[in-house]
PDB file of all heavy atoms in Angstrom:
ATOM      1  N   GLY A   1     -13.842  28.754   6.603  1.00  0.00           N
ATOM      2  CA  GLY A   1     -12.640  28.535   7.382  1.00  0.00           C
ATOM      3  C   GLY A   1     -12.814  27.689   8.627  1.00  0.00           C
ATOM      4  O   GLY A   1     -11.848  27.418   9.321  1.00  0.00           O
ATOM      5  N   ILE A   2     -14.016  27.264   8.966  1.00  0.00           N
ATOM      6  CA  ILE A   2     -14.197  26.524  10.204  1.00  0.00           C
ATOM      7  C   ILE A   2     -13.781  25.067  10.057  1.00  0.00           C
ATOM      8  O   ILE A   2     -13.441  24.403  11.006  1.00  0.00           O
ATOM      9  CB  ILE A   2     -15.639  26.633  10.719  1.00  0.00           C
ATOM     10  CG1 ILE A   2     -15.688  26.251  12.183  1.00  0.00           C
ATOM     11  CG2 ILE A   2     -16.581  25.771   9.918  1.00  0.00           C
ATOM     12  CD1 ILE A   2     -16.945  26.696  12.874  1.00  0.00           C
ATOM     13  N   HIS A   3     -13.787  24.539   8.842  1.00  0.00           N
ATOM     14  CA  HIS A   3     -13.421  23.158   8.607  1.00  0.00           C
ATOM     15  C   HIS A   3     -11.979  23.099   8.135  1.00  0.00           C
ATOM     16  O   HIS A   3     -11.678  23.437   6.999  1.00  0.00           O
ATOM     17  CB  HIS A   3     -14.349  22.515   7.570  1.00  0.00           C
ATOM     18  CG  HIS A   3     -15.782  22.620   7.968  1.00  0.00           C
ATOM     19  ND1 HIS A   3     -16.300  21.914   9.018  1.00  0.00           N
ATOM     20  CD2 HIS A   3     -16.795  23.380   7.506  1.00  0.00           C
ATOM     21  CE1 HIS A   3     -17.568  22.210   9.166  1.00  0.00           C
ATOM     22  NE2 HIS A   3     -17.889  23.098   8.264  1.00  0.00           N
ATOM     23  N   ARG A   4     -11.088  22.669   9.021  1.00  0.00           N
ATOM     24  CA  ARG A   4      -9.668  22.618   8.689  1.00  0.00           C
ATOM     25  C   ARG A   4      -9.421  21.674   7.524  1.00  0.00           C
ATOM     26  O   ARG A   4      -9.838  20.536   7.536  1.00  0.00           O
ATOM     27  CB  ARG A   4      -8.874  22.134   9.898  1.00  0.00           C
ATOM     28  CG  ARG A   4      -8.910  23.107  11.038  1.00  0.00           C
ATOM     29  CD  ARG A   4      -8.248  22.514  12.211  1.00  0.00           C
ATOM     30  NE  ARG A   4      -9.098  21.390  12.649  1.00  0.00           N
ATOM     31  CZ  ARG A   4      -8.831  20.628  13.668  1.00  0.00           C
ATOM     32  NH1 ARG A   4      -7.758  20.807  14.370  1.00  0.00           N
ATOM     33  NH2 ARG A   4      -9.649  19.640  14.012  1.00  0.00           N
ATOM     34  N   GLY A   5      -8.740  22.164   6.504  1.00  0.00           N
ATOM     35  CA  GLY A   5      -8.295  21.323   5.414  1.00  0.00           C
ATOM     36  C   GLY A   5      -9.351  20.918   4.402  1.00  0.00           C
ATOM     37  O   GLY A   5      -9.078  20.106   3.538  1.00  0.00           O
ATOM     38  N   CYS A   6     -10.544  21.455   4.497  1.00  0.00           N
ATOM     39  CA  CYS A   6     -11.605  20.962   3.611  1.00  0.00           C
ATOM     40  C   CYS A   6     -11.399  21.378   2.158  1.00  0.00           C
ATOM     41  O   CYS A   6     -12.006  20.808   1.278  1.00  0.00           O
ATOM     42  CB  CYS A   6     -12.978  21.392   4.107  1.00  0.00           C
ATOM     43  SG  CYS A   6     -13.270  23.154   4.011  1.00  0.00           S
ATOM     44  N   MET A   7     -10.557  22.342   1.897  1.00  0.00           N
ATOM     45  CA  MET A   7     -10.352  22.795   0.533  1.00  0.00           C
ATOM     46  C   MET A   7      -9.109  22.174  -0.103  1.00  0.00           C
ATOM     47  O   MET A   7      -8.780  22.465  -1.219  1.00  0.00           O
ATOM     48  CB  MET A   7     -10.241  24.321   0.503  1.00  0.00           C
ATOM     49  CG  MET A   7     -11.505  25.037   0.969  1.00  0.00           C
ATOM     50  SD  MET A   7     -12.983  24.551   0.094  1.00  0.00           S
ATOM     51  CE  MET A   7     -12.670  25.310  -1.476  1.00  0.00           C
ATOM     52  N   LYS A   8      -8.401  21.287   0.604  1.00  0.00           N
ATOM     53  CA  LYS A   8      -7.219  20.654   0.046  1.00  0.00           C
ATOM     54  C   LYS A   8      -7.626  19.659  -1.033  1.00  0.00           C
ATOM     55  O   LYS A   8      -8.507  18.841  -0.810  1.00  0.00           O
ATOM     56  CB  LYS A   8      -6.453  19.910   1.142  1.00  0.00           C
ATOM     57  CG  LYS A   8      -5.852  20.804   2.189  1.00  0.00           C
ATOM     58  CD  LYS A   8      -5.147  19.960   3.224  1.00  0.00           C
ATOM     59  CE  LYS A   8      -4.639  20.792   4.366  1.00  0.00           C
ATOM     60  NZ  LYS A   8      -4.049  19.948   5.411  1.00  0.00           N
ATOM     61  N   PRO A   9      -6.971  19.675  -2.181  1.00  0.00           N
ATOM     62  CA  PRO A   9      -7.323  18.743  -3.241  1.00  0.00           C
ATOM     63  C   PRO A   9      -7.187  17.285  -2.814  1.00  0.00           C
ATOM     64  O   PRO A   9      -7.955  16.446  -3.221  1.00  0.00           O
ATOM     65  CB  PRO A   9      -6.337  19.063  -4.367  1.00  0.00           C
ATOM     66  CG  PRO A   9      -5.791  20.399  -4.061  1.00  0.00           C
ATOM     67  CD  PRO A   9      -5.947  20.619  -2.591  1.00  0.00           C
ATOM     68  N   GLU A  10      -6.192  16.964  -1.954  1.00  0.00           N
ATOM     69  CA  GLU A  10      -6.015  15.569  -1.551  1.00  0.00           C
ATOM     70  C   GLU A  10      -7.164  15.067  -0.680  1.00  0.00           C
ATOM     71  O   GLU A  10      -7.314  13.870  -0.480  1.00  0.00           O
ATOM     72  CB  GLU A  10      -4.679  15.359  -0.820  1.00  0.00           C
ATOM     73  CG  GLU A  10      -4.551  16.101   0.498  1.00  0.00           C
ATOM     74  CD  GLU A  10      -3.943  17.483   0.371  1.00  0.00           C
ATOM     75  OE1 GLU A  10      -3.854  18.001  -0.745  1.00  0.00           O
ATOM     76  OE2 GLU A  10      -3.561  18.056   1.409  1.00  0.00           O
ATOM     77  N   ASN A  11      -7.998  15.958  -0.161  1.00  0.00           N
ATOM     78  CA  ASN A  11      -9.139  15.550   0.657  1.00  0.00           C
ATOM     79  C   ASN A  11     -10.422  15.440  -0.154  1.00  0.00           C
ATOM     80  O   ASN A  11     -11.457  15.117   0.397  1.00  0.00           O
ATOM     81  CB  ASN A  11      -9.370  16.540   1.802  1.00  0.00           C
ATOM     82  CG  ASN A  11      -8.285  16.452   2.839  1.00  0.00           C
ATOM     83  OD1 ASN A  11      -7.557  15.471   2.907  1.00  0.00           O
ATOM     84  ND2 ASN A  11      -8.158  17.488   3.641  1.00  0.00           N
ATOM     85  N   SER A  12     -10.340  15.730  -1.437  1.00  0.00           N
ATOM     86  CA  SER A  12     -11.557  15.705  -2.235  1.00  0.00           C
ATOM     87  C   SER A  12     -12.034  14.267  -2.405  1.00  0.00           C
ATOM     88  O   SER A  12     -11.249  13.337  -2.512  1.00  0.00           O
ATOM     89  CB  SER A  12     -11.329  16.367  -3.583  1.00  0.00           C
ATOM     90  OG  SER A  12     -10.378  15.656  -4.310  1.00  0.00           O
ATOM     91  N   ARG A  13     -13.336  14.099  -2.394  1.00  0.00           N
ATOM     92  CA  ARG A  13     -13.947  12.781  -2.529  1.00  0.00           C
ATOM     93  C   ARG A  13     -14.986  12.837  -3.630  1.00  0.00           C
ATOM     94  O   ARG A  13     -15.519  13.880  -3.957  1.00  0.00           O
ATOM     95  CB  ARG A  13     -14.643  12.379  -1.228  1.00  0.00           C
ATOM     96  CG  ARG A  13     -13.703  12.210  -0.069  1.00  0.00           C
ATOM     97  CD  ARG A  13     -14.491  11.757   1.155  1.00  0.00           C
ATOM     98  NE  ARG A  13     -13.615  11.596   2.289  1.00  0.00           N
ATOM     99  CZ  ARG A  13     -13.473  12.489   3.242  1.00  0.00           C
ATOM    100  NH1 ARG A  13     -14.143  13.600   3.213  1.00  0.00           N
ATOM    101  NH2 ARG A  13     -12.661  12.262   4.245  1.00  0.00           N
ATOM    102  N   SER A  14     -15.293  11.681  -4.145  1.00  0.00           N
ATOM    103  CA  SER A  14     -16.345  11.569  -5.134  1.00  0.00           C
ATOM    104  C   SER A  14     -17.683  11.826  -4.457  1.00  0.00           C
ATOM    105  O   SER A  14     -17.889  11.457  -3.309  1.00  0.00           O
ATOM    106  CB  SER A  14     -16.315  10.163  -5.736  1.00  0.00           C
ATOM    107  OG  SER A  14     -17.458   9.955  -6.509  1.00  0.00           O
ATOM    108  N   TYR A  15     -18.598  12.451  -5.159  1.00  0.00           N
ATOM    109  CA  TYR A  15     -19.912  12.729  -4.583  1.00  0.00           C
ATOM    110  C   TYR A  15     -20.773  11.480  -4.480  1.00  0.00           C
ATOM    111  O   TYR A  15     -21.774  11.474  -3.796  1.00  0.00           O
ATOM    112  CB  TYR A  15     -20.647  13.796  -5.404  1.00  0.00           C
ATOM    113  CG  TYR A  15     -20.086  15.169  -5.193  1.00  0.00           C
ATOM    114  CD1 TYR A  15     -19.401  15.821  -6.208  1.00  0.00           C
ATOM    115  CD2 TYR A  15     -20.235  15.819  -3.983  1.00  0.00           C
ATOM    116  CE1 TYR A  15     -18.878  17.078  -6.010  1.00  0.00           C
ATOM    117  CE2 TYR A  15     -19.719  17.082  -3.773  1.00  0.00           C
ATOM    118  CZ  TYR A  15     -19.039  17.701  -4.798  1.00  0.00           C
ATOM    119  OH  TYR A  15     -18.531  18.945  -4.600  1.00  0.00           O
ATOM    120  N   ASP A  16     -20.386  10.406  -5.149  1.00  0.00           N
ATOM    121  CA  ASP A  16     -21.188   9.193  -5.080  1.00  0.00           C
ATOM    122  C   ASP A  16     -20.701   8.205  -4.023  1.00  0.00           C
ATOM    123  O   ASP A  16     -21.223   7.111  -3.901  1.00  0.00           O
ATOM    124  CB  ASP A  16     -21.273   8.510  -6.442  1.00  0.00           C
ATOM    125  CG  ASP A  16     -19.912   8.104  -6.977  1.00  0.00           C
ATOM    126  OD1 ASP A  16     -18.891   8.480  -6.374  1.00  0.00           O
ATOM    127  OD2 ASP A  16     -19.883   7.418  -8.008  1.00  0.00           O
ATOM    128  N   SER A  17     -19.699   8.589  -3.233  1.00  0.00           N
ATOM    129  CA  SER A  17     -19.235   7.728  -2.149  1.00  0.00           C
ATOM    130  C   SER A  17     -19.207   8.513  -0.846  1.00  0.00           C
ATOM    131  O   SER A  17     -18.999   9.714  -0.827  1.00  0.00           O
ATOM    132  CB  SER A  17     -17.848   7.173  -2.465  1.00  0.00           C
ATOM    133  OG  SER A  17     -16.898   8.217  -2.471  1.00  0.00           O
ATOM    134  N   ARG A  18     -19.431   7.805   0.247  1.00  0.00           N
ATOM    135  CA  ARG A  18     -19.408   8.439   1.563  1.00  0.00           C
ATOM    136  C   ARG A  18     -18.090   8.120   2.245  1.00  0.00           C
ATOM    137  O   ARG A  18     -17.594   7.006   2.141  1.00  0.00           O
ATOM    138  CB  ARG A  18     -20.552   7.905   2.416  1.00  0.00           C
ATOM    139  CG  ARG A  18     -21.899   8.270   1.895  1.00  0.00           C
ATOM    140  CD  ARG A  18     -22.967   7.716   2.793  1.00  0.00           C
ATOM    141  NE  ARG A  18     -24.276   8.103   2.292  1.00  0.00           N
ATOM    142  CZ  ARG A  18     -25.396   7.875   2.936  1.00  0.00           C
ATOM    143  NH1 ARG A  18     -25.386   7.239   4.080  1.00  0.00           N
ATOM    144  NH2 ARG A  18     -26.536   8.259   2.427  1.00  0.00           N
ATOM    145  N   PRO A  19     -17.538   9.075   2.981  1.00  0.00           N
ATOM    146  CA  PRO A  19     -16.324   8.767   3.730  1.00  0.00           C
ATOM    147  C   PRO A  19     -16.644   7.788   4.862  1.00  0.00           C
ATOM    148  O   PRO A  19     -17.777   7.738   5.352  1.00  0.00           O
ATOM    149  CB  PRO A  19     -15.893  10.126   4.280  1.00  0.00           C
ATOM    150  CG  PRO A  19     -17.105  10.972   4.246  1.00  0.00           C
ATOM    151  CD  PRO A  19     -17.980  10.445   3.154  1.00  0.00           C
ATOM    152  N   VAL A  20     -15.665   7.012   5.248  1.00  0.00           N
ATOM    153  CA  VAL A  20     -15.841   6.098   6.373  1.00  0.00           C
ATOM    154  C   VAL A  20     -15.145   6.729   7.565  1.00  0.00           C
ATOM    155  O   VAL A  20     -13.922   6.864   7.577  1.00  0.00           O
ATOM    156  CB  VAL A  20     -15.237   4.709   6.057  1.00  0.00           C
ATOM    157  CG1 VAL A  20     -15.362   3.800   7.257  1.00  0.00           C
ATOM    158  CG2 VAL A  20     -15.909   4.112   4.838  1.00  0.00           C
ATOM    159  N   LEU A  21     -15.927   7.146   8.554  1.00  0.00           N
ATOM    160  CA  LEU A  21     -15.386   7.788   9.746  1.00  0.00           C
ATOM    161  C   LEU A  21     -15.760   6.960  10.971  1.00  0.00           C
ATOM    162  O   LEU A  21     -16.885   6.457  11.067  1.00  0.00           O
ATOM    163  CB  LEU A  21     -15.922   9.215   9.864  1.00  0.00           C
ATOM    164  CG  LEU A  21     -15.563  10.135   8.685  1.00  0.00           C
ATOM    165  CD1 LEU A  21     -16.289  11.461   8.800  1.00  0.00           C
ATOM    166  CD2 LEU A  21     -14.067  10.359   8.625  1.00  0.00           C
ATOM    167  N   PRO A  22     -14.834   6.820  11.924  1.00  0.00           N
ATOM    168  CA  PRO A  22     -15.037   5.891  13.036  1.00  0.00           C
ATOM    169  C   PRO A  22     -16.008   6.354  14.119  1.00  0.00           C
ATOM    170  O   PRO A  22     -16.547   5.532  14.852  1.00  0.00           O
ATOM    171  CB  PRO A  22     -13.634   5.727  13.610  1.00  0.00           C
ATOM    172  CG  PRO A  22     -12.934   6.993  13.266  1.00  0.00           C
ATOM    173  CD  PRO A  22     -13.512   7.417  11.948  1.00  0.00           C
ATOM    174  N   GLU A  23     -16.244   7.628  14.254  1.00  0.00           N
ATOM    175  CA  GLU A  23     -17.072   8.146  15.345  1.00  0.00           C
ATOM    176  C   GLU A  23     -18.389   8.706  14.809  1.00  0.00           C
ATOM    177  O   GLU A  23     -18.426   9.281  13.726  1.00  0.00           O
ATOM    178  CB  GLU A  23     -16.329   9.262  16.090  1.00  0.00           C
ATOM    179  CG  GLU A  23     -14.963   8.870  16.610  1.00  0.00           C
ATOM    180  CD  GLU A  23     -15.024   7.870  17.742  1.00  0.00           C
ATOM    181  OE1 GLU A  23     -16.032   7.833  18.476  1.00  0.00           O
ATOM    182  OE2 GLU A  23     -14.053   7.105  17.904  1.00  0.00           O
ATOM    183  N   THR A  24     -19.466   8.533  15.580  1.00  0.00           N
ATOM    184  CA  THR A  24     -20.763   9.114  15.218  1.00  0.00           C
ATOM    185  C   THR A  24     -21.428   9.710  16.452  1.00  0.00           C
ATOM    186  O   THR A  24     -21.141   9.316  17.582  1.00  0.00           O
ATOM    187  CB  THR A  24     -21.723   8.068  14.611  1.00  0.00           C
ATOM    188  OG1 THR A  24     -21.952   7.036  15.557  1.00  0.00           O
ATOM    189  CG2 THR A  24     -21.180   7.497  13.324  1.00  0.00           C
ATOM    190  N   TYR A  25     -22.312  10.662  16.196  1.00  0.00           N
ATOM    191  CA  TYR A  25     -23.099  11.303  17.247  1.00  0.00           C
ATOM    192  C   TYR A  25     -24.476  11.593  16.668  1.00  0.00           C
ATOM    193  O   TYR A  25     -24.588  12.158  15.581  1.00  0.00           O
ATOM    194  CB  TYR A  25     -22.421  12.608  17.701  1.00  0.00           C
ATOM    195  CG  TYR A  25     -23.265  13.472  18.596  1.00  0.00           C
ATOM    196  CD1 TYR A  25     -23.472  13.118  19.929  1.00  0.00           C
ATOM    197  CD2 TYR A  25     -23.855  14.632  18.122  1.00  0.00           C
ATOM    198  CE1 TYR A  25     -24.251  13.917  20.757  1.00  0.00           C
ATOM    199  CE2 TYR A  25     -24.635  15.430  18.937  1.00  0.00           C
ATOM    200  CZ  TYR A  25     -24.826  15.072  20.256  1.00  0.00           C
ATOM    201  OH  TYR A  25     -25.601  15.860  21.084  1.00  0.00           O
ATOM    202  N   THR A  26     -25.513  11.199  17.385  1.00  0.00           N
ATOM    203  CA  THR A  26     -26.883  11.480  16.954  1.00  0.00           C
ATOM    204  C   THR A  26     -27.332  12.785  17.600  1.00  0.00           C
ATOM    205  O   THR A  26     -27.195  12.958  18.816  1.00  0.00           O
ATOM    206  CB  THR A  26     -27.837  10.341  17.367  1.00  0.00           C
ATOM    207  OG1 THR A  26     -27.355   9.128  16.791  1.00  0.00           O
ATOM    208  CG2 THR A  26     -29.245  10.604  16.869  1.00  0.00           C
ATOM    209  N   SER A  27     -27.860  13.701  16.781  1.00  0.00           N
ATOM    210  CA  SER A  27     -28.325  14.987  17.312  1.00  0.00           C
ATOM    211  C   SER A  27     -29.449  14.755  18.324  1.00  0.00           C
ATOM    212  O   SER A  27     -30.083  13.698  18.347  1.00  0.00           O
ATOM    213  CB  SER A  27     -28.806  15.898  16.184  1.00  0.00           C
ATOM    214  OG  SER A  27     -30.003  15.396  15.625  1.00  0.00           O
TER     215      SER A  27
END
């Protein structure tokens, strides 16, 4: 439950592609 919307079918992605997200943070 910590990830909002992660179980919605419209958010599903193929495992062979990475999402393109605009922000990054290095640990």
